[in-house]
Amino acid sequence: MLYHLLYPLADLFGGFNVFRYITFRTIYAAVTALAIAWLMGPWMIHKLQELQVGQYIRELGPESHKAKAGTPTMGGVLILFAMGVSVLLWGDLGNFYLWLALGVTLCYGLIGFADDYLKKVSKANEGGLSARTKFLALALVALAAGVALYLHPGYSTKLSVPFFKFVLPDLGWGYVPLAMFILVGTANAVNLTDGLDGLAAGPVLIAAGAYLVLSYLTGNVKAATYLQIFYVPGAGELAVFCGAVAGAVMGFLWYNTYPAQIFMGDTGSLALGGALGITAVSTKHEILLVLVGGIFVVETISVILQVGFFKMTHGKRIFRMAPLHHHFELKGWAEPKVIVRFWIIAVLLALVAFSTLKLR
């Protein structure tokens, strides 16, 4: 909005020319989202407490988690509001990729909100939307996004493979199910990781920062040509989107860090997973998300392995508990130690992901 209102006035006052730069708008999108989330945090926590929207702790979880019962959840509403307002203020509202990313994120947030609300009504962690209903809803949104990308003029259905410069398989219509898999998979992976105070928020912040840079490079013809990566006209505007996501998560993390005053719930985890997934697909760095979001991948694999091994061996387990962060808790690691170590690994994985731009 500010881009459309103030940039045209650059002829009258040269200072307004800064609004043409994605870098400038990205910085202030992050600052704006952070400020909104930080300032509204106490009010949101108080309001959720009034509405008795508290977290329910499953009996089989670590004993230390029982003290968290009743902590306000559905804090994802705060993240979505801060991010949405910031994007609308600082983004180019004529950009296709910006609206697609915003649409997917908000739709996934609404699905998470429905799940959180039904859990509140049922007063149980096992309540909420059924797994089938949730998966179907996520898949339908992902299908719409995948088709929109496929039909968008100039969007390539070729797949970029990290470390290989000339391996660019063209998937054609097959790109749509791939996009669906990435979106639904990332949303559920972030959701599984959101089990400790700030555990999901930290890696999301790191991943959003990584894709902020990747979006800018992908949308800049000179940088994309130099690095020999896909050039996607208009995708640079996703840097503003990623900046807003990062800022909103930072503001939320102020209250979500250990010991958490508020949890994001499915409202936040599904929305943030969708935001990362659609950005990865839109910028043609789909497979790189496996590295950038490596923490989410490992957490998901730990659950798959645990469930599969449990069924195959009739009750035996690989880990003390899944997802993986609970395994380390039950081994005696303090919760803050698990969280910070996972954050450190997330940073290292993001750095390795950046290295692939040159190791080709």
Protein backbone atom coordinates (compact mmCIF):
# COMPACT_ATOMS: atom_id res chain seq x y z
CA MET A 1 0.00 0.00 0.00
CA LEU A 2 2.77 2.43 0.91
CA TYR A 3 4.59 1.40 -2.26
CA HIS A 4 1.59 2.42 -4.37
CA LEU A 5 0.86 5.59 -2.40
CA LEU A 6 4.34 7.03 -1.94
CA TYR A 7 6.55 5.76 -4.76
CA PRO A 8 4.56 7.70 -7.43
CA LEU A 9 5.41 10.89 -5.48
CA ALA A 10 9.14 10.39 -6.14
CA ASP A 11 8.98 13.03 -8.89
CA LEU A 12 7.87 15.60 -6.29
CA PHE A 13 10.23 14.47 -3.54
CA GLY A 14 13.21 12.29 -4.39
CA GLY A 15 13.22 10.64 -0.97
CA PHE A 16 10.16 8.60 -1.89
CA ASN A 17 12.28 6.80 -4.47
CA VAL A 18 13.44 4.40 -1.73
CA PHE A 19 10.07 2.66 -1.95
CA ARG A 20 11.04 1.17 -5.31
CA TYR A 21 13.77 -0.90 -3.65
CA ILE A 22 12.80 -4.36 -2.47
CA THR A 23 15.62 -4.31 0.09
CA PHE A 24 14.23 -1.17 1.77
CA ARG A 25 10.68 -2.49 1.86
CA THR A 26 11.84 -5.89 3.12
CA ILE A 27 13.66 -4.35 6.07
CA TYR A 28 10.67 -2.29 7.10
CA ALA A 29 8.25 -5.14 6.50
CA ALA A 30 10.25 -7.11 9.07
CA VAL A 31 10.42 -4.18 11.49
CA THR A 32 6.70 -3.44 11.14
CA ALA A 33 5.64 -7.05 11.67
CA LEU A 34 7.97 -7.37 14.66
CA ALA A 35 6.59 -4.19 16.23
CA ILE A 36 2.97 -5.25 15.74
CA ALA A 37 3.52 -8.71 17.21
CA TRP A 38 5.59 -7.37 20.11
CA LEU A 39 3.17 -4.58 20.99
CA MET A 40 0.03 -6.70 20.63
CA GLY A 41 1.50 -9.72 22.41
CA PRO A 42 0.42 -8.84 25.97
CA TRP A 43 -3.10 -7.95 24.82
CA MET A 44 -3.38 -11.20 22.86
CA ILE A 45 -2.17 -13.29 25.80
CA HIS A 46 -4.66 -11.57 28.12
CA LYS A 47 -7.52 -12.00 25.63
CA LEU A 48 -6.81 -15.71 25.10
CA GLN A 49 -6.66 -16.19 28.87
CA GLU A 50 -10.05 -14.52 29.18
CA LEU A 51 -11.45 -16.84 26.52
CA GLN A 52 -9.82 -19.80 28.32
CA VAL A 53 -8.04 -20.92 25.16
CA GLY A 54 -5.44 -23.01 26.97
CA GLN A 55 -3.07 -25.75 25.88
CA TYR A 56 -4.01 -29.33 26.73
CA ILE A 57 -1.11 -31.64 27.60
CA ARG A 58 -1.30 -35.32 26.68
CA GLU A 59 -0.77 -37.76 29.51
CA LEU A 60 1.96 -39.71 27.67
CA GLY A 61 4.22 -36.69 27.25
CA PRO A 62 7.24 -35.76 29.39
CA GLU A 63 6.31 -35.05 33.02
CA SER A 64 7.76 -31.51 32.83
CA HIS A 65 5.16 -30.53 30.23
CA LYS A 66 2.24 -30.86 32.63
CA ALA A 67 3.11 -27.47 34.12
CA LYS A 68 2.32 -25.93 30.71
CA ALA A 69 -1.33 -26.92 30.85
CA GLY A 70 -3.54 -23.88 30.40
CA THR A 71 -0.91 -21.73 28.65
CA PRO A 72 -2.75 -19.67 26.00
CA THR A 73 -2.58 -21.20 22.54
CA MET A 74 -3.81 -20.06 19.07
CA GLY A 75 -1.08 -17.41 19.16
CA GLY A 76 -0.74 -17.99 15.44
CA VAL A 77 -3.50 -15.40 15.08
CA LEU A 78 -1.00 -12.80 16.30
CA ILE A 79 1.62 -13.97 13.79
CA LEU A 80 -0.84 -13.90 10.90
CA PHE A 81 -2.17 -10.46 11.78
CA ALA A 82 1.29 -8.92 12.13
CA MET A 83 2.53 -10.57 8.94
CA GLY A 84 -0.58 -9.74 6.92
CA VAL A 85 -0.68 -6.07 7.87
CA SER A 86 3.03 -5.69 7.17
CA VAL A 87 2.78 -7.34 3.73
CA LEU A 88 -0.17 -5.13 2.77
CA LEU A 89 1.72 -2.02 3.89
CA TRP A 90 5.08 -2.69 2.26
CA GLY A 91 4.41 -5.11 -0.59
CA ASP A 92 3.72 -4.46 -4.27
CA LEU A 93 0.04 -5.37 -4.31
CA GLY A 94 0.12 -5.96 -8.04
CA ASN A 95 2.51 -8.90 -7.65
CA PHE A 96 1.13 -12.38 -8.35
CA TYR A 97 3.60 -14.27 -6.14
CA LEU A 98 2.95 -12.00 -3.16
CA TRP A 99 -0.80 -12.63 -3.26
CA LEU A 100 -0.30 -16.36 -3.81
CA ALA A 101 1.99 -16.64 -0.78
CA LEU A 102 -0.34 -14.53 1.34
CA GLY A 103 -3.37 -16.55 0.22
CA VAL A 104 -1.81 -19.95 0.98
CA THR A 105 -0.54 -18.77 4.37
CA LEU A 106 -3.89 -17.35 5.44
CA CYS A 107 -5.83 -20.39 4.19
CA TYR A 108 -3.53 -22.74 6.08
CA GLY A 109 -3.90 -20.48 9.10
CA LEU A 110 -7.70 -20.77 8.87
CA ILE A 111 -7.46 -24.57 8.73
CA GLY A 112 -5.25 -24.50 11.81
CA PHE A 113 -7.63 -22.08 13.51
CA ALA A 114 -10.55 -24.46 12.94
CA ASP A 115 -8.50 -27.30 14.40
CA ASP A 116 -7.47 -25.23 17.44
CA TYR A 117 -11.02 -24.01 18.01
CA LEU A 118 -12.47 -27.52 17.94
CA LYS A 119 -9.77 -28.65 20.39
CA LYS A 120 -10.85 -25.84 22.69
CA VAL A 121 -14.46 -26.96 22.45
CA SER A 122 -13.60 -30.65 23.00
CA LYS A 123 -11.18 -29.78 25.82
CA ALA A 124 -8.69 -32.37 24.57
CA ASN A 125 -5.50 -32.46 22.52
CA GLU A 126 -6.98 -35.31 20.48
CA GLY A 127 -9.97 -33.21 19.46
CA GLY A 128 -10.06 -30.84 16.54
CA LEU A 129 -10.35 -31.69 12.88
CA SER A 130 -9.95 -35.34 11.94
CA ALA A 131 -6.65 -36.21 10.27
CA ARG A 132 -8.48 -36.94 7.01
CA THR A 133 -10.39 -33.65 7.02
CA LYS A 134 -7.28 -31.64 7.82
CA PHE A 135 -5.24 -33.38 5.12
CA LEU A 136 -7.98 -32.89 2.53
CA ALA A 137 -8.30 -29.19 3.33
CA LEU A 138 -4.53 -28.66 3.15
CA ALA A 139 -4.33 -30.64 -0.10
CA LEU A 140 -7.12 -28.63 -1.77
CA VAL A 141 -5.39 -25.33 -0.99
CA ALA A 142 -2.11 -26.79 -2.23
CA LEU A 143 -3.81 -28.01 -5.42
CA ALA A 144 -5.18 -24.54 -6.12
CA ALA A 145 -1.73 -23.02 -5.53
CA GLY A 146 0.00 -25.61 -7.73
CA VAL A 147 -2.44 -25.05 -10.61
CA ALA A 148 -2.11 -21.26 -10.25
CA LEU A 149 1.66 -21.54 -10.58
CA TYR A 150 1.42 -23.95 -13.51
CA LEU A 151 -0.91 -21.60 -15.40
CA HIS A 152 1.02 -18.45 -14.58
CA PRO A 153 2.71 -17.09 -17.73
CA GLY A 154 6.45 -17.64 -17.76
CA TYR A 155 6.56 -19.96 -14.74
CA SER A 156 8.80 -22.94 -15.40
CA THR A 157 7.86 -26.49 -14.46
CA LYS A 158 11.52 -27.49 -14.50
CA LEU A 159 12.96 -28.72 -11.23
CA SER A 160 16.16 -27.28 -9.82
CA VAL A 161 18.42 -29.93 -8.29
CA PRO A 162 21.01 -28.67 -5.74
CA PHE A 163 24.68 -29.33 -6.60
CA PHE A 164 23.82 -30.09 -10.25
CA LYS A 165 23.92 -27.14 -12.64
CA PHE A 166 22.49 -28.83 -15.71
CA VAL A 167 20.08 -31.33 -14.15
CA LEU A 168 16.75 -29.60 -14.80
CA PRO A 169 14.00 -32.20 -15.38
CA ASP A 170 10.78 -30.72 -16.78
CA LEU A 171 7.88 -32.23 -14.85
CA GLY A 172 5.08 -30.59 -16.87
CA TRP A 173 1.74 -31.24 -15.16
CA GLY A 174 3.63 -33.44 -12.73
CA TYR A 175 4.85 -30.27 -11.09
CA VAL A 176 1.40 -29.71 -9.56
CA PRO A 177 1.44 -32.85 -7.35
CA LEU A 178 5.05 -32.05 -6.41
CA ALA A 179 3.97 -28.59 -5.27
CA MET A 180 1.12 -30.16 -3.32
CA PHE A 181 3.48 -32.59 -1.61
CA ILE A 182 5.85 -29.78 -0.62
CA LEU A 183 3.11 -27.54 0.74
CA VAL A 184 1.23 -30.20 2.70
CA GLY A 185 4.43 -31.87 3.86
CA THR A 186 6.04 -28.65 5.09
CA ALA A 187 2.90 -27.56 6.94
CA ASN A 188 2.66 -30.88 8.77
CA ALA A 189 6.42 -30.95 9.45
CA VAL A 190 6.34 -27.55 11.17
CA ASN A 191 3.25 -28.68 13.06
CA LEU A 192 5.08 -31.77 14.38
CA THR A 193 8.09 -29.68 15.40
CA ASP A 194 5.99 -27.27 17.44
CA GLY A 195 6.28 -29.22 20.68
CA LEU A 196 8.60 -27.12 22.86
CA ASP A 197 8.76 -23.43 23.73
CA GLY A 198 10.10 -21.65 20.66
CA LEU A 199 11.30 -24.86 19.02
CA ALA A 200 9.33 -24.35 15.80
CA ALA A 201 9.55 -20.54 15.81
CA GLY A 202 13.37 -20.49 15.78
CA PRO A 203 13.90 -22.70 12.70
CA VAL A 204 11.00 -20.96 10.92
CA LEU A 205 12.70 -17.63 11.54
CA ILE A 206 15.98 -18.99 10.17
CA ALA A 207 14.29 -20.57 7.14
CA ALA A 208 12.33 -17.38 6.41
CA GLY A 209 15.58 -15.42 6.53
CA ALA A 210 17.22 -17.88 4.14
CA TYR A 211 14.35 -17.71 1.67
CA LEU A 212 14.32 -13.93 1.98
CA VAL A 213 17.79 -13.94 0.42
CA LEU A 214 16.91 -16.67 -2.10
CA SER A 215 13.78 -14.77 -3.19
CA TYR A 216 15.77 -11.61 -3.80
CA LEU A 217 18.40 -13.49 -5.82
CA THR A 218 15.80 -15.38 -7.84
CA GLY A 219 13.94 -12.19 -8.74
CA ASN A 220 17.10 -10.29 -9.73
CA VAL A 221 18.12 -11.11 -13.29
CA LYS A 222 21.78 -10.18 -12.78
CA ALA A 223 22.18 -12.20 -9.58
CA ALA A 224 20.29 -15.18 -10.99
CA THR A 225 22.37 -15.16 -14.16
CA TYR A 226 25.63 -14.92 -12.22
CA LEU A 227 24.68 -17.76 -9.88
CA GLN A 228 23.12 -19.76 -12.73
CA ILE A 229 19.87 -20.31 -10.87
CA PHE A 230 16.32 -19.88 -12.13
CA TYR A 231 15.32 -16.30 -12.78
CA VAL A 232 11.65 -15.87 -11.85
CA PRO A 233 10.40 -12.37 -12.80
CA GLY A 234 8.46 -10.90 -9.89
CA ALA A 235 9.62 -13.45 -7.32
CA GLY A 236 11.87 -10.86 -5.70
CA GLU A 237 8.78 -9.42 -4.04
CA LEU A 238 8.64 -12.56 -1.91
CA ALA A 239 11.60 -11.11 -0.02
CA VAL A 240 9.13 -8.60 1.43
CA PHE A 241 6.81 -11.47 2.33
CA CYS A 242 9.63 -13.43 3.99
CA GLY A 243 10.72 -10.30 5.84
CA ALA A 244 7.21 -9.89 7.22
CA VAL A 245 7.09 -13.57 8.25
CA ALA A 246 10.49 -13.30 9.96
CA GLY A 247 9.50 -10.11 11.76
CA ALA A 248 6.17 -11.52 12.95
CA VAL A 249 7.88 -14.67 14.25
CA MET A 250 10.53 -12.60 16.05
CA GLY A 251 7.85 -10.55 17.76
CA PHE A 252 5.96 -13.69 18.70
CA LEU A 253 9.12 -15.42 19.91
CA TRP A 254 9.54 -12.66 22.51
CA TYR A 255 6.59 -14.26 24.34
CA ASN A 256 7.00 -17.83 23.07
CA THR A 257 10.57 -18.36 24.27
CA TYR A 258 11.11 -20.59 27.34
CA PRO A 259 9.11 -20.47 29.53
CA ALA A 260 6.42 -19.68 26.97
CA GLN A 261 3.60 -17.28 27.76
CA ILE A 262 1.78 -18.26 24.58
CA PHE A 263 1.85 -21.06 22.01
CA MET A 264 1.22 -20.65 18.27
CA GLY A 265 -1.04 -23.69 17.98
CA ASP A 266 -1.99 -25.22 14.65
CA THR A 267 -3.08 -21.75 13.56
CA GLY A 268 0.54 -20.68 13.51
CA SER A 269 2.38 -23.90 12.67
CA LEU A 270 0.28 -24.81 9.62
CA ALA A 271 0.35 -21.22 8.35
CA LEU A 272 4.12 -20.89 8.75
CA GLY A 273 4.72 -24.26 7.12
CA GLY A 274 2.54 -23.18 4.22
CA ALA A 275 4.45 -19.89 3.97
CA LEU A 276 7.79 -21.69 3.69
CA GLY A 277 6.43 -24.24 1.24
CA ILE A 278 4.88 -21.76 -1.19
CA THR A 279 7.99 -19.57 -1.09
CA ALA A 280 10.22 -22.55 -1.87
CA VAL A 281 8.04 -23.56 -4.81
CA SER A 282 7.58 -20.03 -6.16
CA THR A 283 11.31 -19.28 -6.10
CA LYS A 284 12.26 -22.60 -7.75
CA HIS A 285 14.26 -23.74 -4.73
CA GLU A 286 11.95 -26.61 -3.89
CA ILE A 287 14.43 -29.36 -3.06
CA LEU A 288 16.64 -26.92 -1.16
CA LEU A 289 13.87 -26.72 1.43
CA VAL A 290 14.99 -30.17 2.61
CA LEU A 291 18.23 -28.52 3.77
CA VAL A 292 16.89 -25.14 4.85
CA GLY A 293 14.12 -26.83 6.80
CA GLY A 294 16.20 -29.82 7.81
CA ILE A 295 15.00 -29.70 11.42
CA PHE A 296 11.41 -30.12 10.26
CA VAL A 297 12.41 -32.99 7.96
CA VAL A 298 14.25 -34.88 10.72
CA GLU A 299 11.38 -34.40 13.17
CA THR A 300 8.92 -35.78 10.62
CA ILE A 301 11.14 -38.75 9.71
CA SER A 302 11.50 -39.59 13.41
CA VAL A 303 7.71 -39.88 13.70
CA ILE A 304 7.43 -41.99 10.53
CA LEU A 305 10.20 -44.33 11.70
CA GLN A 306 8.77 -44.62 15.20
CA VAL A 307 5.25 -45.43 14.02
CA GLY A 308 6.43 -47.84 11.32
CA PHE A 309 8.85 -49.69 13.63
CA PHE A 310 6.21 -49.84 16.39
CA LYS A 311 3.74 -51.54 14.04
CA MET A 312 6.28 -53.88 12.47
CA THR A 313 7.70 -55.07 15.80
CA HIS A 314 4.41 -55.07 17.73
CA GLY A 315 5.31 -52.49 20.33
CA LYS A 316 9.04 -51.84 20.13
CA ARG A 317 10.40 -48.31 19.67
CA ILE A 318 13.43 -46.72 18.02
CA PHE A 319 13.23 -43.54 20.09
CA ARG A 320 12.08 -43.08 23.64
CA MET A 321 9.38 -40.84 22.23
CA ALA A 322 8.66 -39.12 18.92
CA PRO A 323 8.96 -36.47 17.54
CA LEU A 324 12.71 -36.44 18.11
CA HIS A 325 12.82 -33.48 20.53
CA HIS A 326 10.89 -35.54 23.09
CA HIS A 327 13.49 -38.32 22.80
CA PHE A 328 16.22 -35.95 23.97
CA GLU A 329 14.01 -34.62 26.75
CA LEU A 330 13.47 -38.13 28.07
CA LYS A 331 17.22 -38.72 27.88
CA GLY A 332 17.61 -35.94 30.44
CA TRP A 333 18.31 -32.87 28.31
CA ALA A 334 16.76 -29.73 29.74
CA GLU A 335 14.14 -28.19 27.47
CA PRO A 336 16.11 -24.98 26.76
CA LYS A 337 19.14 -27.10 25.79
CA VAL A 338 17.10 -29.08 23.25
CA ILE A 339 15.65 -25.89 21.78
CA VAL A 340 18.89 -23.95 21.42
CA ARG A 341 20.79 -26.93 20.00
CA PHE A 342 18.07 -27.45 17.40
CA TRP A 343 18.31 -23.73 16.52
CA ILE A 344 22.08 -24.05 16.07
CA ILE A 345 21.60 -27.01 13.74
CA ALA A 346 19.00 -25.01 11.79
CA VAL A 347 21.53 -22.19 11.27
CA LEU A 348 24.19 -24.65 10.09
CA LEU A 349 21.77 -26.26 7.65
CA ALA A 350 20.80 -22.85 6.23
CA LEU A 351 24.48 -22.05 5.68
CA VAL A 352 25.03 -25.36 3.91
CA ALA A 353 22.00 -24.59 1.74
CA PHE A 354 23.57 -21.27 0.70
CA SER A 355 26.79 -23.07 -0.18
CA THR A 356 24.94 -25.08 -2.83
CA LEU A 357 24.53 -21.90 -4.88
CA LYS A 358 28.26 -22.08 -5.63
CA LEU A 359 28.88 -25.82 -5.31
CA ARG A 360 27.32 -26.72 -8.63
